[in-house]
C-alpha atoms as a PDB file:
ATOM      1  CA  MET A   1      17.609  40.281 -22.267  1.00  0.00           C
ATOM      2  CA  LYS A   2      20.509  39.770 -19.619  1.00  0.00           C
ATOM      3  CA  ILE A   3      17.733  39.641 -17.055  1.00  0.00           C
ATOM      4  CA  LEU A   4      16.121  36.768 -19.077  1.00  0.00           C
ATOM      5  CA  ILE A   5      19.365  34.892 -19.351  1.00  0.00           C
ATOM      6  CA  GLY A   6      20.073  35.271 -15.652  1.00  0.00           C
ATOM      7  CA  ILE A   7      16.842  33.820 -14.753  1.00  0.00           C
ATOM      8  CA  ILE A   8      17.368  30.846 -17.045  1.00  0.00           C
ATOM      9  CA  ILE A   9      20.895  30.235 -15.483  1.00  0.00           C
ATOM     10  CA  VAL A  10      19.377  30.517 -11.857  1.00  0.00           C
ATOM     11  CA  LEU A  11      16.532  28.017 -12.801  1.00  0.00           C
ATOM     12  CA  GLY A  12      18.633  25.670 -14.695  1.00  0.00           C
ATOM     13  CA  GLY A  13      20.871  25.793 -11.742  1.00  0.00           C
ATOM     14  CA  ILE A  14      18.369  25.011  -9.340  1.00  0.00           C
ATOM     15  CA  ILE A  15      17.128  22.038 -11.744  1.00  0.00           C
ATOM     16  CA  VAL A  16      20.740  20.611 -11.473  1.00  0.00           C
ATOM     17  CA  LEU A  17      20.983  20.923  -7.801  1.00  0.00           C
ATOM     18  CA  PHE A  18      17.700  19.065  -7.389  1.00  0.00           C
ATOM     19  CA  LEU A  19      18.824  16.531  -9.615  1.00  0.00           C
ATOM     20  CA  ILE A  20      22.241  16.077  -7.741  1.00  0.00           C
ATOM     21  CA  ILE A  21      20.584  15.923  -4.418  1.00  0.00           C
ATOM     22  CA  GLY A  22      17.962  13.279  -5.863  1.00  0.00           C
ATOM     23  CA  LEU A  23      21.252  11.092  -6.260  1.00  0.00           C
ATOM     24  CA  PHE A  24      21.532  10.732  -2.703  1.00  0.00           C
ATOM     25  CA  VAL A  25      17.902  10.687  -1.359  1.00  0.00           C
ATOM     26  CA  LYS A  26      16.524   7.370  -0.470  1.00  0.00           C
ATOM     27  CA  LYS A  27      14.643   5.539  -3.069  1.00  0.00           C
ATOM     28  CA  ASP A  28      12.466   3.295  -1.060  1.00  0.00           C
ATOM     29  CA  TYR A  29       9.934   3.433   1.760  1.00  0.00           C
ATOM     30  CA  SER A  30       8.369   1.335   4.244  1.00  0.00           C
ATOM     31  CA  VAL A  31       5.309   1.719   6.635  1.00  0.00           C
ATOM     32  CA  GLY A  32       3.532  -0.720   8.927  1.00  0.00           C
ATOM     33  CA  LYS A  33       1.066  -0.624  11.706  1.00  0.00           C
ATOM     34  CA  ASP A  34      -0.093  -3.118  13.951  1.00  0.00           C
ATOM     35  CA  ILE A  35      -3.298  -3.974  16.027  1.00  0.00           C
ATOM     36  CA  ILE A  36      -4.325  -6.749  18.706  1.00  0.00           C
ATOM     37  CA  VAL A  37      -7.430  -8.489  17.401  1.00  0.00           C
ATOM     38  CA  ASN A  38      -9.319 -10.516  20.510  1.00  0.00           C
ATOM     39  CA  LYS A  39      -9.537 -13.671  18.336  1.00  0.00           C
ATOM     40  CA  PRO A  40      -7.271 -16.940  18.008  1.00  0.00           C
ATOM     41  CA  LYS A  41      -4.421 -16.422  15.499  1.00  0.00           C
ATOM     42  CA  THR A  42      -5.969 -19.389  13.123  1.00  0.00           C
ATOM     43  CA  ALA A  43      -9.350 -17.703  12.676  1.00  0.00           C
ATOM     44  CA  VAL A  44      -7.743 -14.274  11.921  1.00  0.00           C
ATOM     45  CA  PHE A  45      -5.221 -15.865   9.361  1.00  0.00           C
ATOM     46  CA  GLU A  46      -8.042 -17.867   7.872  1.00  0.00           C
ATOM     47  CA  TYR A  47      -9.958 -14.533   7.359  1.00  0.00           C
ATOM     48  CA  LEU A  48      -6.800 -12.569   6.080  1.00  0.00           C
ATOM     49  CA  LYS A  49      -5.710 -14.795   3.523  1.00  0.00           C
ATOM     50  CA  PHE A  50      -8.670 -14.270   1.440  1.00  0.00           C
ATOM     51  CA  LEU A  51      -7.831 -11.215  -0.584  1.00  0.00           C
ATOM     52  CA  LYS A  52     -11.389 -10.498  -1.276  1.00  0.00           C
ATOM     53  CA  ASN A  53     -11.983  -9.837   2.567  1.00  0.00           C
ATOM     54  CA  GLN A  54      -9.701  -7.133   2.237  1.00  0.00           C
ATOM     55  CA  ASN A  55     -12.216  -4.796   0.433  1.00  0.00           C
ATOM     56  CA  LYS A  56     -14.560  -5.314   3.574  1.00  0.00           C
ATOM     57  CA  PHE A  57     -11.823  -3.487   5.945  1.00  0.00           C
ATOM     58  CA  SER A  58      -9.578  -1.860   3.734  1.00  0.00           C
ATOM     59  CA  VAL A  59      -9.944   2.158   3.558  1.00  0.00           C
ATOM     60  CA  TRP A  60      -8.910   1.869  -0.169  1.00  0.00           C
ATOM     61  CA  GLY A  61     -11.565  -0.734  -0.822  1.00  0.00           C
ATOM     62  CA  SER A  62     -14.328   1.568   0.406  1.00  0.00           C
ATOM     63  CA  MET A  63     -13.268   4.787  -1.297  1.00  0.00           C
ATOM     64  CA  ASP A  64     -15.568   4.110  -4.181  1.00  0.00           C
ATOM     65  CA  PRO A  65     -18.525   1.525  -3.662  1.00  0.00           C
ATOM     66  CA  ASN A  66     -19.202   1.633  -7.131  1.00  0.00           C
ATOM     67  CA  MET A  67     -15.818   0.663  -8.279  1.00  0.00           C
ATOM     68  CA  LYS A  68     -15.538  -2.095 -10.783  1.00  0.00           C
ATOM     69  CA  THR A  69     -13.802  -5.178  -9.621  1.00  0.00           C
ATOM     70  CA  ASP A  70     -12.616  -8.457 -11.248  1.00  0.00           C
ATOM     71  CA  PHE A  71     -11.047 -11.430  -9.613  1.00  0.00           C
ATOM     72  CA  ARG A  72      -8.737 -14.066 -11.289  1.00  0.00           C
ATOM     73  CA  GLY A  73      -7.710 -17.380  -9.870  1.00  0.00           C
ATOM     74  CA  THR A  74      -8.561 -19.146  -6.696  1.00  0.00           C
ATOM     75  CA  ASP A  75      -8.790 -16.808  -3.685  1.00  0.00           C
ATOM     76  CA  GLY A  76      -6.544 -17.478  -0.734  1.00  0.00           C
ATOM     77  CA  THR A  77      -3.922 -19.131  -3.021  1.00  0.00           C
ATOM     78  CA  VAL A  78      -0.833 -17.803  -4.552  1.00  0.00           C
ATOM     79  CA  GLY A  79      -1.342 -16.232  -7.804  1.00  0.00           C
ATOM     80  CA  PHE A  80      -4.913 -14.870  -6.922  1.00  0.00           C
ATOM     81  CA  VAL A  81      -5.549 -11.474  -8.519  1.00  0.00           C
ATOM     82  CA  SER A  82      -7.959  -8.588  -7.288  1.00  0.00           C
ATOM     83  CA  ALA A  83      -8.266  -5.884  -9.836  1.00  0.00           C
ATOM     84  CA  TRP A  84     -10.020  -2.638  -9.400  1.00  0.00           C
ATOM     85  CA  GLU A  85     -11.192   0.340 -11.392  1.00  0.00           C
ATOM     86  CA  SER A  86     -12.981   3.668 -10.563  1.00  0.00           C
ATOM     87  CA  ASP A  87     -14.413   6.105 -12.698  1.00  0.00           C
ATOM     88  CA  ASN A  88     -15.870   8.268  -9.842  1.00  0.00           C
ATOM     89  CA  ASN A  89     -12.412   8.449  -7.769  1.00  0.00           C
ATOM     90  CA  LYS A  90      -9.046   9.535  -9.257  1.00  0.00           C
ATOM     91  CA  ASN A  91      -7.523   8.511  -5.931  1.00  0.00           C
ATOM     92  CA  VAL A  92      -8.830   5.069  -6.447  1.00  0.00           C
ATOM     93  CA  GLY A  93      -7.572   4.764 -10.028  1.00  0.00           C
ATOM     94  CA  LYS A  94      -6.918   1.740 -11.661  1.00  0.00           C
ATOM     95  CA  GLY A  95      -4.758  -1.421 -10.579  1.00  0.00           C
ATOM     96  CA  GLU A  96      -4.504  -5.037  -9.152  1.00  0.00           C
ATOM     97  CA  GLN A  97      -3.160  -6.842  -6.278  1.00  0.00           C
ATOM     98  CA  GLU A  98      -1.725 -10.353  -6.426  1.00  0.00           C
ATOM     99  CA  ILE A  99      -0.983 -12.841  -3.546  1.00  0.00           C
ATOM    100  CA  LEU A 100       2.708 -13.706  -4.227  1.00  0.00           C
ATOM    101  CA  LYS A 101       3.314 -15.872  -1.317  1.00  0.00           C
ATOM    102  CA  ILE A 102       1.602 -17.612   1.764  1.00  0.00           C
ATOM    103  CA  VAL A 103       3.198 -18.932   4.837  1.00  0.00           C
ATOM    104  CA  ASP A 104       0.305 -20.655   6.486  1.00  0.00           C
ATOM    105  CA  GLY A 105      -0.735 -19.249   9.497  1.00  0.00           C
ATOM    106  CA  GLU A 106       1.957 -16.617   9.340  1.00  0.00           C
ATOM    107  CA  ARG A 107       2.251 -14.303   6.490  1.00  0.00           C
ATOM    108  CA  ILE A 108       0.806 -13.202   3.150  1.00  0.00           C
ATOM    109  CA  ASP A 109       2.827 -11.294   0.643  1.00  0.00           C
ATOM    110  CA  TYR A 110       1.168  -9.120  -2.177  1.00  0.00           C
ATOM    111  CA  GLU A 111       2.180  -7.088  -5.297  1.00  0.00           C
ATOM    112  CA  ILE A 112       0.353  -4.229  -5.902  1.00  0.00           C
ATOM    113  CA  ARG A 113       0.299  -2.804  -9.456  1.00  0.00           C
ATOM    114  CA  PHE A 114      -1.131   0.648  -9.896  1.00  0.00           C
ATOM    115  CA  LEU A 115      -2.134   1.292 -13.560  1.00  0.00           C
ATOM    116  CA  LYS A 116      -3.951   4.844 -13.058  1.00  0.00           C
ATOM    117  CA  PRO A 117      -3.749   7.687 -12.378  1.00  0.00           C
ATOM    118  CA  PHE A 118       0.193   6.705 -12.447  1.00  0.00           C
ATOM    119  CA  LYS A 119       2.009   3.557 -13.000  1.00  0.00           C
ATOM    120  CA  SER A 120       3.645   1.980  -9.965  1.00  0.00           C
ATOM    121  CA  THR A 121       4.674  -1.257  -8.049  1.00  0.00           C
ATOM    122  CA  SER A 122       4.414  -1.516  -4.279  1.00  0.00           C
ATOM    123  CA  TRP A 123       4.570  -4.415  -2.137  1.00  0.00           C
ATOM    124  CA  ALA A 124       2.358  -5.419   0.724  1.00  0.00           C
ATOM    125  CA  TYR A 125       2.305  -7.905   3.499  1.00  0.00           C
ATOM    126  CA  ILE A 126       0.085  -8.891   6.547  1.00  0.00           C
ATOM    127  CA  THR A 127       1.657 -11.096   9.494  1.00  0.00           C
ATOM    128  CA  THR A 128      -0.278 -12.664  12.572  1.00  0.00           C
ATOM    129  CA  ILE A 129       1.402 -13.408  15.596  1.00  0.00           C
ATOM    130  CA  ALA A 130      -0.213 -15.178  18.632  1.00  0.00           C
ATOM    131  CA  VAL A 131      -0.276 -12.913  21.651  1.00  0.00           C
ATOM    132  CA  ASN A 132      -2.104 -15.466  23.522  1.00  0.00           C
ATOM    133  CA  ASP A 133      -4.799 -18.244  22.747  1.00  0.00           C
ATOM    134  CA  ASN A 134      -7.396 -15.692  22.120  1.00  0.00           C
ATOM    135  CA  GLN A 135      -5.363 -12.617  20.933  1.00  0.00           C
ATOM    136  CA  THR A 136      -3.477 -12.128  17.700  1.00  0.00           C
ATOM    137  CA  LYS A 137      -1.147  -9.405  16.646  1.00  0.00           C
ATOM    138  CA  VAL A 138      -1.652  -8.149  12.800  1.00  0.00           C
ATOM    139  CA  HIS A 139       0.896  -6.308  11.292  1.00  0.00           C
ATOM    140  CA  TRP A 140       0.181  -4.872   7.770  1.00  0.00           C
ATOM    141  CA  GLY A 141       2.975  -3.338   5.910  1.00  0.00           C
ATOM    142  CA  PHE A 142       3.626  -1.495   2.821  1.00  0.00           C
ATOM    143  CA  THR A 143       6.994  -1.067   0.858  1.00  0.00           C
ATOM    144  CA  GLY A 144       7.874   0.634  -2.349  1.00  0.00           C
ATOM    145  CA  LYS A 145      10.646   1.831  -4.374  1.00  0.00           C
ATOM    146  CA  MET A 146      10.833   5.356  -6.431  1.00  0.00           C
ATOM    147  CA  LYS A 147      13.371   5.421  -9.308  1.00  0.00           C
ATOM    148  CA  TYR A 148      15.616   8.554  -9.722  1.00  0.00           C
ATOM    149  CA  PRO A 149      14.548  11.309 -10.231  1.00  0.00           C
ATOM    150  CA  THR A 150      10.906  10.617  -9.038  1.00  0.00           C
ATOM    151  CA  ASN A 151      12.463   9.972  -5.697  1.00  0.00           C
ATOM    152  CA  LEU A 152      12.824  13.423  -5.111  1.00  0.00           C
ATOM    153  CA  THR A 153       9.150  13.320  -4.203  1.00  0.00           C
ATOM    154  CA  LEU A 154       9.945  11.307  -1.037  1.00  0.00           C
ATOM    155  CA  LEU A 155      11.670  14.795   0.209  1.00  0.00           C
ATOM    156  CA  PHE A 156       8.129  16.261   0.394  1.00  0.00           C
ATOM    157  CA  MET A 157       5.759  13.075   0.957  1.00  0.00           C
ATOM    158  CA  ASN A 158       5.282  11.694   4.292  1.00  0.00           C
ATOM    159  CA  MET A 159       4.664   8.105   3.481  1.00  0.00           C
ATOM    160  CA  GLU A 160       3.958   7.382   7.253  1.00  0.00           C
ATOM    161  CA  LYS A 161       1.144   9.861   7.274  1.00  0.00           C
ATOM    162  CA  ILE A 162      -0.346   9.295   3.759  1.00  0.00           C
ATOM    163  CA  VAL A 163      -0.185   5.468   3.894  1.00  0.00           C
ATOM    164  CA  GLY A 164       0.150   4.565   7.494  1.00  0.00           C
ATOM    165  CA  GLY A 165      -3.102   6.268   8.441  1.00  0.00           C
ATOM    166  CA  ASP A 166      -4.881   4.302   5.952  1.00  0.00           C
ATOM    167  CA  LEU A 167      -3.347   1.127   7.217  1.00  0.00           C
ATOM    168  CA  GLU A 168      -4.180   2.054  10.783  1.00  0.00           C
ATOM    169  CA  LYS A 169      -7.916   2.749  10.062  1.00  0.00           C
ATOM    170  CA  GLY A 170      -7.889  -0.623   7.920  1.00  0.00           C
ATOM    171  CA  LEU A 171      -6.645  -2.504  10.972  1.00  0.00           C
ATOM    172  CA  GLN A 172      -9.244  -0.777  13.109  1.00  0.00           C
ATOM    173  CA  ASN A 173     -11.961  -1.979  10.718  1.00  0.00           C
ATOM    174  CA  LEU A 174     -10.695  -5.298  10.777  1.00  0.00           C
ATOM    175  CA  LYS A 175     -10.721  -5.566  14.470  1.00  0.00           C
ATOM    176  CA  VAL A 176     -14.303  -4.157  14.560  1.00  0.00           C
ATOM    177  CA  LEU A 177     -15.274  -6.766  11.985  1.00  0.00           C
ATOM    178  CA  LEU A 178     -13.557  -9.898  13.430  1.00  0.00           C
ATOM    179  CA  GLU A 179     -14.611  -9.179  16.977  1.00  0.00           C
ATOM    180  CA  LYS A 180     -18.209  -9.019  16.262  1.00  0.00           C
END
């Protein structure tokens, strides 16, 4: 009986320690990747502002070719929503992405609402900067927040590796697509 009580006290102490550590662990994360596309900035931005086009270059859009999609609003304008649901791939899950803001020719801001396999909200953005008349630097960024105590998972997750690789691959796909 003393051994069982000792084990419970040690486990309880470990849990309390993790909860205390969670108070000091960052709650937000940010990942971004860049690529140079050999096309004028206007052409690149005009392609990117249409959210439906993301499914053509995004890694996430191609994870389940049979996922159900639904679109609400006018694509390329604030308030447009692209929703998805996958019955075949739990990593795709269910969610939606909404265009929150467009600074014409410069930046598009999105809110991404994940509903399954877990609920969370993240934000993404894409910016375009002219390098010269025929080259555009595209930056794709992703940010999010994790509430206490779930922020403890950030100690064990490398968001740069998890999300950054997908952003980088998506940008490479974009480059190939636009430079055809």
